[in-house]
Amino acid sequence: MKRYCFALDLADDAALIAEYEGWHKSENTWPEIKKSITDAGITNMEIYRTGNRLFMIMETDDTFSFERKSKMDAANPKVQEWEQLMWKFQSSLPWAKEGEKWIIMNKIFELNK
């Protein structure tokens, strides 16, 4: 298992943040999106929020690769539709490349090592 951590901002708007959180409630997340996540080898995903900053923790199995996930997403119209919808709420981090959303974070501390 590998673990990755990511960051992304939301638009600094309370109503949009509430709507974004609503889309991420288990009963509102599209089943095709959950399937695309697990089909890519992602075994667990958690998203946390403080203010308008999001943190995502993603755990993967040995079949996962970013390249494979990217290709799968590009070929999946439902994933593309979801991503378009989410851009309404999301705001790239200042150091992100054009069109880049979630930015991988570097681990700088681990208690048990």
Protein backbone atom coordinates (compact mmCIF):
# COMPACT_ATOMS: atom_id res chain seq x y z
CA MET A 1 0.00 0.00 0.00
CA LYS A 2 1.13 3.52 -0.78
CA ARG A 3 -0.30 6.69 0.71
CA TYR A 4 -0.43 10.04 -1.04
CA CYS A 5 -1.52 13.38 0.37
CA PHE A 6 -2.81 16.28 -1.73
CA ALA A 7 -3.98 19.86 -1.24
CA LEU A 8 -6.44 22.04 -3.14
CA ASP A 9 -8.36 25.22 -2.37
CA LEU A 10 -12.04 25.92 -2.71
CA ALA A 11 -13.55 29.23 -3.74
CA ASP A 12 -13.68 31.34 -0.58
CA ASP A 13 -17.47 31.42 -0.53
CA ALA A 14 -19.48 29.82 2.31
CA ALA A 15 -22.41 28.85 0.07
CA LEU A 16 -20.16 27.20 -2.52
CA ILE A 17 -18.20 25.38 0.19
CA ALA A 18 -21.45 24.03 1.67
CA GLU A 19 -22.59 22.89 -1.78
CA TYR A 20 -19.22 21.22 -2.43
CA GLU A 21 -19.47 19.34 0.86
CA GLY A 22 -23.00 18.30 -0.10
CA TRP A 23 -21.73 16.74 -3.33
CA HIS A 24 -19.23 14.72 -1.30
CA LYS A 25 -21.74 13.16 1.07
CA SER A 26 -21.83 9.44 0.40
CA GLU A 27 -25.42 9.51 -0.87
CA ASN A 28 -24.68 12.36 -3.34
CA THR A 29 -21.39 11.20 -4.85
CA TRP A 30 -22.06 9.61 -8.23
CA PRO A 31 -21.58 5.83 -8.20
CA GLU A 32 -19.58 6.07 -11.45
CA ILE A 33 -17.08 8.30 -9.66
CA LYS A 34 -16.67 5.88 -6.75
CA LYS A 35 -16.22 3.03 -9.26
CA SER A 36 -13.60 4.98 -11.24
CA ILE A 37 -11.67 5.56 -8.02
CA THR A 38 -11.65 1.92 -6.94
CA ASP A 39 -11.06 0.62 -10.49
CA ALA A 40 -7.84 2.66 -10.57
CA GLY A 41 -6.43 0.81 -7.56
CA ILE A 42 -7.36 3.40 -4.92
CA THR A 43 -8.37 1.48 -1.81
CA ASN A 44 -9.26 4.42 0.42
CA MET A 45 -9.71 8.15 -0.01
CA GLU A 46 -10.47 10.79 2.61
CA ILE A 47 -10.93 14.53 2.13
CA TYR A 48 -10.60 17.03 4.99
CA ARG A 49 -11.31 20.76 5.01
CA THR A 50 -10.13 23.72 7.04
CA GLY A 51 -11.45 27.07 5.90
CA ASN A 52 -11.31 26.85 2.12
CA ARG A 53 -8.27 24.51 2.00
CA LEU A 54 -8.80 20.81 1.25
CA PHE A 55 -6.51 17.93 2.14
CA MET A 56 -6.94 14.51 0.53
CA ILE A 57 -5.36 11.29 1.75
CA MET A 58 -5.34 8.52 -0.83
CA GLU A 59 -4.24 4.92 -0.23
CA THR A 60 -3.53 2.67 -3.19
CA ASP A 61 -2.75 -0.91 -4.05
CA ASP A 62 0.12 -2.10 -6.24
CA THR A 63 -1.90 -1.67 -9.48
CA PHE A 64 -2.22 2.12 -9.06
CA SER A 65 -0.27 4.62 -11.13
CA PHE A 66 -0.98 8.29 -11.79
CA GLU A 67 -0.49 7.74 -15.53
CA ARG A 68 -3.04 4.89 -15.60
CA LYS A 69 -5.55 6.88 -13.53
CA SER A 70 -5.17 9.88 -15.82
CA LYS A 71 -5.81 7.77 -18.93
CA MET A 72 -8.82 6.09 -17.31
CA ASP A 73 -10.27 9.47 -16.33
CA ALA A 74 -9.73 10.98 -19.78
CA ALA A 75 -11.65 8.06 -21.34
CA ASN A 76 -14.56 8.25 -18.88
CA PRO A 77 -17.25 10.83 -19.81
CA LYS A 78 -18.84 10.64 -16.34
CA VAL A 79 -15.52 11.48 -14.67
CA GLN A 80 -15.06 14.40 -17.09
CA GLU A 81 -18.57 15.64 -16.26
CA TRP A 82 -17.85 15.38 -12.51
CA GLU A 83 -14.54 17.23 -12.89
CA GLN A 84 -16.23 20.05 -14.81
CA LEU A 85 -18.86 20.34 -12.08
CA MET A 86 -16.21 20.41 -9.33
CA TRP A 87 -14.29 23.29 -11.01
CA LYS A 88 -17.26 25.48 -10.02
CA PHE A 89 -16.10 25.13 -6.43
CA GLN A 90 -12.37 24.56 -6.71
CA SER A 91 -9.55 27.06 -6.95
CA SER A 92 -6.02 26.03 -7.89
CA LEU A 93 -3.26 26.63 -5.41
CA PRO A 94 -1.13 29.67 -6.34
CA TRP A 95 1.84 27.48 -7.34
CA ALA A 96 -0.21 25.01 -9.43
CA LYS A 97 0.38 24.66 -13.15
CA GLU A 98 -2.36 25.79 -15.54
CA GLY A 99 -5.42 23.52 -15.14
CA GLU A 100 -3.84 21.56 -12.28
CA LYS A 101 -6.09 20.76 -9.34
CA TRP A 102 -4.92 18.53 -6.53
CA ILE A 103 -1.23 19.10 -5.72
CA ILE A 104 0.71 16.24 -4.18
CA MET A 105 2.25 17.08 -0.82
CA ASN A 106 5.71 16.09 0.39
CA LYS A 107 5.94 14.30 3.72
CA ILE A 108 8.29 16.20 6.03
CA PHE A 109 7.74 14.33 9.32
CA GLU A 110 6.76 10.87 10.54
CA LEU A 111 6.63 10.06 14.25
CA ASN A 112 7.55 6.39 13.92
CA LYS A 113 10.66 6.72 11.77
